[in-house]
Amino acid sequence: MHSRVLTWHQVSRLDTEHVPRTLGLFHLVWEDADPADLVRADEQTARGNFRTWVKITSHVCAARDRDSGTRVGQEAINRACARLGPYP
């Protein structure tokens, strides 16, 4: 039972223009990322869904853990998004 979520928070979709700032506040990995790369990933994959951004963040962090020289740029973001699976 310790792993169960007792409270579910509804988070409205992020506006595209707020994505870079919100992600920078959410996790340090996004602080130095190019805002254009984040907006592109949001438009193509996350679509303002914060839970999707949490998954992308997890994949980017795992890639950086495997290779500390991994730059958080368009290539790393695209690889993380590709790990999420197909989107209709």
PDB file of N, CA and C in Angstrom:
ATOM      1  N   MET A   1       0.806  -1.204   0.000  1.00  0.00           N
ATOM      2  CA  MET A   1       0.000   0.000   0.000  1.00  0.00           C
ATOM      3  C   MET A   1       0.851   1.270   0.000  1.00  0.00           C
ATOM      4  N   HIS A   2       2.107   1.174   0.361  1.00  0.00           N
ATOM      5  CA  HIS A   2       2.946   2.376   0.398  1.00  0.00           C
ATOM      6  C   HIS A   2       3.148   2.981  -0.983  1.00  0.00           C
ATOM      7  N   SER A   3       3.031   2.179  -2.014  1.00  0.00           N
ATOM      8  CA  SER A   3       3.275   2.691  -3.358  1.00  0.00           C
ATOM      9  C   SER A   3       2.018   3.285  -3.999  1.00  0.00           C
ATOM     10  N   ARG A   4       0.900   3.227  -3.345  1.00  0.00           N
ATOM     11  CA  ARG A   4      -0.352   3.717  -3.914  1.00  0.00           C
ATOM     12  C   ARG A   4      -0.466   5.232  -3.754  1.00  0.00           C
ATOM     13  N   VAL A   5      -1.026   5.853  -4.753  1.00  0.00           N
ATOM     14  CA  VAL A   5      -1.258   7.288  -4.722  1.00  0.00           C
ATOM     15  C   VAL A   5      -2.619   7.528  -4.094  1.00  0.00           C
ATOM     16  N   LEU A   6      -2.631   8.285  -3.042  1.00  0.00           N
ATOM     17  CA  LEU A   6      -3.891   8.549  -2.349  1.00  0.00           C
ATOM     18  C   LEU A   6      -4.584   9.798  -2.872  1.00  0.00           C
ATOM     19  N   THR A   7      -3.812  10.694  -3.451  1.00  0.00           N
ATOM     20  CA  THR A   7      -4.375  11.925  -3.974  1.00  0.00           C
ATOM     21  C   THR A   7      -3.928  12.088  -5.415  1.00  0.00           C
ATOM     22  N   TRP A   8      -4.854  12.368  -6.283  1.00  0.00           N
ATOM     23  CA  TRP A   8      -4.546  12.558  -7.689  1.00  0.00           C
ATOM     24  C   TRP A   8      -4.735  14.031  -8.010  1.00  0.00           C
ATOM     25  N   HIS A   9      -3.680  14.663  -8.477  1.00  0.00           N
ATOM     26  CA  HIS A   9      -3.741  16.086  -8.800  1.00  0.00           C
ATOM     27  C   HIS A   9      -3.981  16.271 -10.284  1.00  0.00           C
ATOM     28  N   GLN A  10      -4.962  17.053 -10.609  1.00  0.00           N
ATOM     29  CA  GLN A  10      -5.223  17.375 -12.002  1.00  0.00           C
ATOM     30  C   GLN A  10      -4.354  18.561 -12.376  1.00  0.00           C
ATOM     31  N   VAL A  11      -3.596  18.411 -13.446  1.00  0.00           N
ATOM     32  CA  VAL A  11      -2.745  19.493 -13.936  1.00  0.00           C
ATOM     33  C   VAL A  11      -3.216  19.823 -15.346  1.00  0.00           C
ATOM     34  N   SER A  12      -3.597  21.062 -15.537  1.00  0.00           N
ATOM     35  CA  SER A  12      -4.076  21.444 -16.869  1.00  0.00           C
ATOM     36  C   SER A  12      -2.917  21.458 -17.861  1.00  0.00           C
ATOM     37  N   ARG A  13      -3.241  21.393 -19.130  1.00  0.00           N
ATOM     38  CA  ARG A  13      -2.223  21.384 -20.180  1.00  0.00           C
ATOM     39  C   ARG A  13      -1.391  22.657 -20.113  1.00  0.00           C
ATOM     40  N   LEU A  14      -0.108  22.474 -20.382  1.00  0.00           N
ATOM     41  CA  LEU A  14       0.798  23.617 -20.420  1.00  0.00           C
ATOM     42  C   LEU A  14       0.626  24.366 -21.733  1.00  0.00           C
ATOM     43  N   ASP A  15       0.610  25.676 -21.665  1.00  0.00           N
ATOM     44  CA  ASP A  15       0.640  26.472 -22.888  1.00  0.00           C
ATOM     45  C   ASP A  15       2.047  26.380 -23.450  1.00  0.00           C
ATOM     46  N   THR A  16       2.164  26.284 -24.748  1.00  0.00           N
ATOM     47  CA  THR A  16       3.461  26.104 -25.397  1.00  0.00           C
ATOM     48  C   THR A  16       4.471  27.156 -24.959  1.00  0.00           C
ATOM     49  N   GLU A  17       4.040  28.383 -24.849  1.00  0.00           N
ATOM     50  CA  GLU A  17       4.985  29.450 -24.482  1.00  0.00           C
ATOM     51  C   GLU A  17       5.487  29.322 -23.043  1.00  0.00           C
ATOM     52  N   HIS A  18       4.784  28.559 -22.198  1.00  0.00           N
ATOM     53  CA  HIS A  18       5.194  28.376 -20.807  1.00  0.00           C
ATOM     54  C   HIS A  18       6.060  27.137 -20.584  1.00  0.00           C
ATOM     55  N   VAL A  19       6.169  26.285 -21.594  1.00  0.00           N
ATOM     56  CA  VAL A  19       6.889  25.025 -21.442  1.00  0.00           C
ATOM     57  C   VAL A  19       8.340  25.222 -20.995  1.00  0.00           C
ATOM     58  N   PRO A  20       9.155  26.045 -21.672  1.00  0.00           N
ATOM     59  CA  PRO A  20      10.561  26.168 -21.248  1.00  0.00           C
ATOM     60  C   PRO A  20      10.722  26.626 -19.798  1.00  0.00           C
ATOM     61  N   ARG A  21       9.980  27.618 -19.400  1.00  0.00           N
ATOM     62  CA  ARG A  21      10.102  28.124 -18.028  1.00  0.00           C
ATOM     63  C   ARG A  21       9.615  27.094 -17.008  1.00  0.00           C
ATOM     64  N   THR A  22       8.491  26.476 -17.280  1.00  0.00           N
ATOM     65  CA  THR A  22       7.938  25.474 -16.365  1.00  0.00           C
ATOM     66  C   THR A  22       8.899  24.312 -16.190  1.00  0.00           C
ATOM     67  N   LEU A  23       9.466  23.821 -17.296  1.00  0.00           N
ATOM     68  CA  LEU A  23      10.390  22.694 -17.208  1.00  0.00           C
ATOM     69  C   LEU A  23      11.668  23.080 -16.477  1.00  0.00           C
ATOM     70  N   GLY A  24      12.148  24.296 -16.692  1.00  0.00           N
ATOM     71  CA  GLY A  24      13.335  24.771 -15.976  1.00  0.00           C
ATOM     72  C   GLY A  24      13.115  24.815 -14.473  1.00  0.00           C
ATOM     73  N   LEU A  25      11.908  25.137 -14.057  1.00  0.00           N
ATOM     74  CA  LEU A  25      11.570  25.139 -12.633  1.00  0.00           C
ATOM     75  C   LEU A  25      11.347  23.731 -12.106  1.00  0.00           C
ATOM     76  N   PHE A  26      10.864  22.839 -12.983  1.00  0.00           N
ATOM     77  CA  PHE A  26      10.559  21.470 -12.595  1.00  0.00           C
ATOM     78  C   PHE A  26      11.814  20.651 -12.327  1.00  0.00           C
ATOM     79  N   HIS A  27      12.816  20.758 -13.227  1.00  0.00           N
ATOM     80  CA  HIS A  27      14.006  19.919 -13.075  1.00  0.00           C
ATOM     81  C   HIS A  27      15.230  20.639 -13.619  1.00  0.00           C
ATOM     82  N   LEU A  28      16.341  20.503 -12.927  1.00  0.00           N
ATOM     83  CA  LEU A  28      17.589  21.164 -13.311  1.00  0.00           C
ATOM     84  C   LEU A  28      18.082  20.761 -14.693  1.00  0.00           C
ATOM     85  N   VAL A  29      17.742  19.567 -15.141  1.00  0.00           N
ATOM     86  CA  VAL A  29      18.224  19.098 -16.434  1.00  0.00           C
ATOM     87  C   VAL A  29      17.771  20.009 -17.576  1.00  0.00           C
ATOM     88  N   TRP A  30      16.678  20.723 -17.388  1.00  0.00           N
ATOM     89  CA  TRP A  30      16.136  21.569 -18.448  1.00  0.00           C
ATOM     90  C   TRP A  30      16.619  23.015 -18.391  1.00  0.00           C
ATOM     91  N   GLU A  31      17.334  23.388 -17.358  1.00  0.00           N
ATOM     92  CA  GLU A  31      17.748  24.795 -17.202  1.00  0.00           C
ATOM     93  C   GLU A  31      18.530  25.343 -18.390  1.00  0.00           C
ATOM     94  N   ASP A  32      19.436  24.538 -18.941  1.00  0.00           N
ATOM     95  CA  ASP A  32      20.286  25.023 -20.031  1.00  0.00           C
ATOM     96  C   ASP A  32      19.833  24.550 -21.407  1.00  0.00           C
ATOM     97  N   ALA A  33      18.692  23.877 -21.460  1.00  0.00           N
ATOM     98  CA  ALA A  33      18.182  23.392 -22.746  1.00  0.00           C
ATOM     99  C   ALA A  33      17.688  24.567 -23.589  1.00  0.00           C
ATOM    100  N   ASP A  34      17.840  24.436 -24.881  1.00  0.00           N
ATOM    101  CA  ASP A  34      17.366  25.465 -25.813  1.00  0.00           C
ATOM    102  C   ASP A  34      15.833  25.489 -25.781  1.00  0.00           C
ATOM    103  N   PRO A  35      15.235  26.628 -25.493  1.00  0.00           N
ATOM    104  CA  PRO A  35      13.771  26.714 -25.447  1.00  0.00           C
ATOM    105  C   PRO A  35      13.108  26.244 -26.741  1.00  0.00           C
ATOM    106  N   ALA A  36      13.740  26.475 -27.871  1.00  0.00           N
ATOM    107  CA  ALA A  36      13.166  26.041 -29.150  1.00  0.00           C
ATOM    108  C   ALA A  36      13.082  24.517 -29.219  1.00  0.00           C
ATOM    109  N   ASP A  37      14.074  23.819 -28.659  1.00  0.00           N
ATOM    110  CA  ASP A  37      14.039  22.355 -28.633  1.00  0.00           C
ATOM    111  C   ASP A  37      12.894  21.851 -27.760  1.00  0.00           C
ATOM    112  N   LEU A  38      12.665  22.521 -26.650  1.00  0.00           N
ATOM    113  CA  LEU A  38      11.582  22.124 -25.748  1.00  0.00           C
ATOM    114  C   LEU A  38      10.214  22.370 -26.377  1.00  0.00           C
ATOM    115  N   VAL A  39      10.069  23.501 -27.030  1.00  0.00           N
ATOM    116  CA  VAL A  39       8.799  23.831 -27.686  1.00  0.00           C
ATOM    117  C   VAL A  39       8.530  22.831 -28.808  1.00  0.00           C
ATOM    118  N   ARG A  40       9.557  22.494 -29.585  1.00  0.00           N
ATOM    119  CA  ARG A  40       9.395  21.525 -30.673  1.00  0.00           C
ATOM    120  C   ARG A  40       8.948  20.169 -30.124  1.00  0.00           C
ATOM    121  N   ALA A  41       9.597  19.715 -29.053  1.00  0.00           N
ATOM    122  CA  ALA A  41       9.224  18.428 -28.448  1.00  0.00           C
ATOM    123  C   ALA A  41       7.810  18.476 -27.891  1.00  0.00           C
ATOM    124  N   ASP A  42       7.426  19.618 -27.348  1.00  0.00           N
ATOM    125  CA  ASP A  42       6.068  19.742 -26.818  1.00  0.00           C
ATOM    126  C   ASP A  42       5.046  19.670 -27.938  1.00  0.00           C
ATOM    127  N   GLU A  43       5.316  20.356 -29.032  1.00  0.00           N
ATOM    128  CA  GLU A  43       4.379  20.360 -30.155  1.00  0.00           C
ATOM    129  C   GLU A  43       4.283  18.992 -30.811  1.00  0.00           C
ATOM    130  N   GLN A  44       5.388  18.266 -30.886  1.00  0.00           N
ATOM    131  CA  GLN A  44       5.413  16.993 -31.596  1.00  0.00           C
ATOM    132  C   GLN A  44       5.036  15.801 -30.715  1.00  0.00           C
ATOM    133  N   THR A  45       5.359  15.868 -29.426  1.00  0.00           N
ATOM    134  CA  THR A  45       5.181  14.685 -28.587  1.00  0.00           C
ATOM    135  C   THR A  45       4.336  14.938 -27.342  1.00  0.00           C
ATOM    136  N   ALA A  46       4.774  15.853 -26.499  1.00  0.00           N
ATOM    137  CA  ALA A  46       4.128  16.014 -25.189  1.00  0.00           C
ATOM    138  C   ALA A  46       2.770  16.695 -25.258  1.00  0.00           C
ATOM    139  N   ARG A  47       2.615  17.615 -26.174  1.00  0.00           N
ATOM    140  CA  ARG A  47       1.343  18.316 -26.371  1.00  0.00           C
ATOM    141  C   ARG A  47       0.802  18.943 -25.087  1.00  0.00           C
ATOM    142  N   GLY A  48       1.723  19.519 -24.309  1.00  0.00           N
ATOM    143  CA  GLY A  48       1.309  20.208 -23.091  1.00  0.00           C
ATOM    144  C   GLY A  48       1.005  19.309 -21.914  1.00  0.00           C
ATOM    145  N   ASN A  49       1.199  18.012 -22.075  1.00  0.00           N
ATOM    146  CA  ASN A  49       0.892  17.068 -21.014  1.00  0.00           C
ATOM    147  C   ASN A  49       2.083  16.952 -20.058  1.00  0.00           C
ATOM    148  N   PHE A  50       1.908  17.425 -18.847  1.00  0.00           N
ATOM    149  CA  PHE A  50       3.006  17.443 -17.879  1.00  0.00           C
ATOM    150  C   PHE A  50       3.483  16.033 -17.529  1.00  0.00           C
ATOM    151  N   ARG A  51       2.561  15.085 -17.454  1.00  0.00           N
ATOM    152  CA  ARG A  51       2.960  13.699 -17.148  1.00  0.00           C
ATOM    153  C   ARG A  51       3.883  13.149 -18.238  1.00  0.00           C
ATOM    154  N   THR A  52       3.644  13.531 -19.490  1.00  0.00           N
ATOM    155  CA  THR A  52       4.535  13.107 -20.574  1.00  0.00           C
ATOM    156  C   THR A  52       5.901  13.751 -20.403  1.00  0.00           C
ATOM    157  N   TRP A  53       5.927  15.015 -19.980  1.00  0.00           N
ATOM    158  CA  TRP A  53       7.211  15.678 -19.740  1.00  0.00           C
ATOM    159  C   TRP A  53       7.978  15.014 -18.601  1.00  0.00           C
ATOM    160  N   VAL A  54       7.285  14.500 -17.618  1.00  0.00           N
ATOM    161  CA  VAL A  54       7.950  13.777 -16.527  1.00  0.00           C
ATOM    162  C   VAL A  54       8.635  12.536 -17.086  1.00  0.00           C
ATOM    163  N   LYS A  55       7.967  11.824 -17.983  1.00  0.00           N
ATOM    164  CA  LYS A  55       8.565  10.638 -18.603  1.00  0.00           C
ATOM    165  C   LYS A  55       9.772  11.014 -19.454  1.00  0.00           C
ATOM    166  N   ILE A  56       9.648  12.082 -20.238  1.00  0.00           N
ATOM    167  CA  ILE A  56      10.765  12.542 -21.068  1.00  0.00           C
ATOM    168  C   ILE A  56      11.939  12.919 -20.177  1.00  0.00           C
ATOM    169  N   THR A  57      11.660  13.615 -19.090  1.00  0.00           N
ATOM    170  CA  THR A  57      12.708  14.007 -18.144  1.00  0.00           C
ATOM    171  C   THR A  57      13.419  12.783 -17.588  1.00  0.00           C
ATOM    172  N   SER A  58      12.656  11.768 -17.243  1.00  0.00           N
ATOM    173  CA  SER A  58      13.242  10.541 -16.718  1.00  0.00           C
ATOM    174  C   SER A  58      14.190   9.902 -17.727  1.00  0.00           C
ATOM    175  N   HIS A  59      13.786   9.856 -18.984  1.00  0.00           N
ATOM    176  CA  HIS A  59      14.637   9.259 -20.020  1.00  0.00           C
ATOM    177  C   HIS A  59      15.894  10.096 -20.273  1.00  0.00           C
ATOM    178  N   VAL A  60      15.751  11.405 -20.259  1.00  0.00           N
ATOM    179  CA  VAL A  60      16.917  12.279 -20.452  1.00  0.00           C
ATOM    180  C   VAL A  60      17.894  12.119 -19.287  1.00  0.00           C
ATOM    181  N   CYS A  61      17.374  12.056 -18.075  1.00  0.00           N
ATOM    182  CA  CYS A  61      18.237  11.884 -16.899  1.00  0.00           C
ATOM    183  C   CYS A  61      18.944  10.531 -16.933  1.00  0.00           C
ATOM    184  N   ALA A  62      18.244   9.487 -17.354  1.00  0.00           N
ATOM    185  CA  ALA A  62      18.863   8.162 -17.458  1.00  0.00           C
ATOM    186  C   ALA A  62      19.985   8.177 -18.486  1.00  0.00           C
ATOM    187  N   ALA A  63      19.777   8.867 -19.596  1.00  0.00           N
ATOM    188  CA  ALA A  63      20.828   8.971 -20.621  1.00  0.00           C
ATOM    189  C   ALA A  63      22.037   9.717 -20.071  1.00  0.00           C
ATOM    190  N   ARG A  64      21.789  10.748 -19.295  1.00  0.00           N
ATOM    191  CA  ARG A  64      22.906  11.501 -18.697  1.00  0.00           C
ATOM    192  C   ARG A  64      23.621  10.679 -17.647  1.00  0.00           C
ATOM    193  N   ASP A  65      22.888   9.819 -16.941  1.00  0.00           N
ATOM    194  CA  ASP A  65      23.524   8.942 -15.957  1.00  0.00           C
ATOM    195  C   ASP A  65      24.440   7.935 -16.639  1.00  0.00           C
ATOM    196  N   ARG A  66      24.018   7.458 -17.823  1.00  0.00           N
ATOM    197  CA  ARG A  66      24.838   6.502 -18.567  1.00  0.00           C
ATOM    198  C   ARG A  66      26.064   7.172 -19.173  1.00  0.00           C
ATOM    199  N   ASP A  67      25.912   8.424 -19.601  1.00  0.00           N
ATOM    200  CA  ASP A  67      27.009   9.168 -20.229  1.00  0.00           C
ATOM    201  C   ASP A  67      26.921  10.619 -19.775  1.00  0.00           C
ATOM    202  N   SER A  68      27.766  10.972 -18.816  1.00  0.00           N
ATOM    203  CA  SER A  68      27.688  12.313 -18.222  1.00  0.00           C
ATOM    204  C   SER A  68      27.969  13.422 -19.234  1.00  0.00           C
ATOM    205  N   GLY A  69      28.535  13.081 -20.382  1.00  0.00           N
ATOM    206  CA  GLY A  69      28.813  14.083 -21.408  1.00  0.00           C
ATOM    207  C   GLY A  69      27.630  14.364 -22.308  1.00  0.00           C
ATOM    208  N   THR A  70      26.518  13.678 -22.072  1.00  0.00           N
ATOM    209  CA  THR A  70      25.331  13.869 -22.905  1.00  0.00           C
ATOM    210  C   THR A  70      24.797  15.284 -22.732  1.00  0.00           C
ATOM    211  N   ARG A  71      24.758  16.010 -23.846  1.00  0.00           N
ATOM    212  CA  ARG A  71      24.225  17.368 -23.840  1.00  0.00           C
ATOM    213  C   ARG A  71      22.711  17.282 -23.986  1.00  0.00           C
ATOM    214  N   VAL A  72      21.998  18.088 -23.239  1.00  0.00           N
ATOM    215  CA  VAL A  72      20.534  18.086 -23.326  1.00  0.00           C
ATOM    216  C   VAL A  72      20.139  19.004 -24.478  1.00  0.00           C
ATOM    217  N   GLY A  73      20.244  18.442 -25.666  1.00  0.00           N
ATOM    218  CA  GLY A  73      19.887  19.163 -26.877  1.00  0.00           C
ATOM    219  C   GLY A  73      18.808  18.420 -27.627  1.00  0.00           C
ATOM    220  N   GLN A  74      18.596  18.838 -28.856  1.00  0.00           N
ATOM    221  CA  GLN A  74      17.523  18.265 -29.664  1.00  0.00           C
ATOM    222  C   GLN A  74      17.697  16.756 -29.834  1.00  0.00           C
ATOM    223  N   GLU A  75      18.910  16.296 -30.043  1.00  0.00           N
ATOM    224  CA  GLU A  75      19.133  14.863 -30.244  1.00  0.00           C
ATOM    225  C   GLU A  75      18.740  14.048 -29.007  1.00  0.00           C
ATOM    226  N   ALA A  76      19.173  14.490 -27.835  1.00  0.00           N
ATOM    227  CA  ALA A  76      18.842  13.776 -26.596  1.00  0.00           C
ATOM    228  C   ALA A  76      17.342  13.814 -26.321  1.00  0.00           C
ATOM    229  N   ILE A  77      16.731  14.938 -26.594  1.00  0.00           N
ATOM    230  CA  ILE A  77      15.291  15.069 -26.376  1.00  0.00           C
ATOM    231  C   ILE A  77      14.535  14.157 -27.349  1.00  0.00           C
ATOM    232  N   ASN A  78      14.971  14.122 -28.611  1.00  0.00           N
ATOM    233  CA  ASN A  78      14.322  13.249 -29.596  1.00  0.00           C
ATOM    234  C   ASN A  78      14.443  11.785 -29.213  1.00  0.00           C
ATOM    235  N   ARG A  79      15.619  11.384 -28.724  1.00  0.00           N
ATOM    236  CA  ARG A  79      15.798   9.989 -28.295  1.00  0.00           C
ATOM    237  C   ARG A  79      14.869   9.666 -27.135  1.00  0.00           C
ATOM    238  N   ALA A  80      14.759  10.596 -26.179  1.00  0.00           N
ATOM    239  CA  ALA A  80      13.864  10.378 -25.038  1.00  0.00           C
ATOM    240  C   ALA A  80      12.413  10.269 -25.487  1.00  0.00           C
ATOM    241  N   CYS A  81      12.011  11.121 -26.401  1.00  0.00           N
ATOM    242  CA  CYS A  81      10.631  11.093 -26.906  1.00  0.00           C
ATOM    243  C   CYS A  81      10.363   9.793 -27.654  1.00  0.00           C
ATOM    244  N   ALA A  82      11.341   9.308 -28.387  1.00  0.00           N
ATOM    245  CA  ALA A  82      11.172   8.065 -29.148  1.00  0.00           C
ATOM    246  C   ALA A  82      10.950   6.869 -28.219  1.00  0.00           C
ATOM    247  N   ARG A  83      11.456   6.944 -27.022  1.00  0.00           N
ATOM    248  CA  ARG A  83      11.294   5.846 -26.066  1.00  0.00           C
ATOM    249  C   ARG A  83       9.873   5.768 -25.501  1.00  0.00           C
ATOM    250  N   LEU A  84       9.073   6.791 -25.737  1.00  0.00           N
ATOM    251  CA  LEU A  84       7.708   6.822 -25.215  1.00  0.00           C
ATOM    252  C   LEU A  84       6.753   5.960 -26.026  1.00  0.00           C
ATOM    253  N   GLY A  85       7.134   5.641 -27.228  1.00  0.00           N
ATOM    254  CA  GLY A  85       6.269   4.836 -28.086  1.00  0.00           C
ATOM    255  C   GLY A  85       5.545   5.682 -29.097  1.00  0.00           C
ATOM    256  N   PRO A  86       4.783   5.023 -29.964  1.00  0.00           N
ATOM    257  CA  PRO A  86       4.086   5.747 -31.039  1.00  0.00           C
ATOM    258  C   PRO A  86       2.925   6.577 -30.501  1.00  0.00           C
ATOM    259  N   TYR A  87       2.694   7.662 -31.188  1.00  0.00           N
ATOM    260  CA  TYR A  87       1.547   8.522 -30.880  1.00  0.00           C
ATOM    261  C   TYR A  87       0.640   8.566 -32.094  1.00  0.00           C
ATOM    262  N   PRO A  88      -0.649   8.468 -31.877  1.00  0.00           N
ATOM    263  CA  PRO A  88      -1.585   8.498 -33.029  1.00  0.00           C
ATOM    264  C   PRO A  88      -1.642   9.860 -33.674  1.00  0.00           C
TER     265      PRO A  88
END
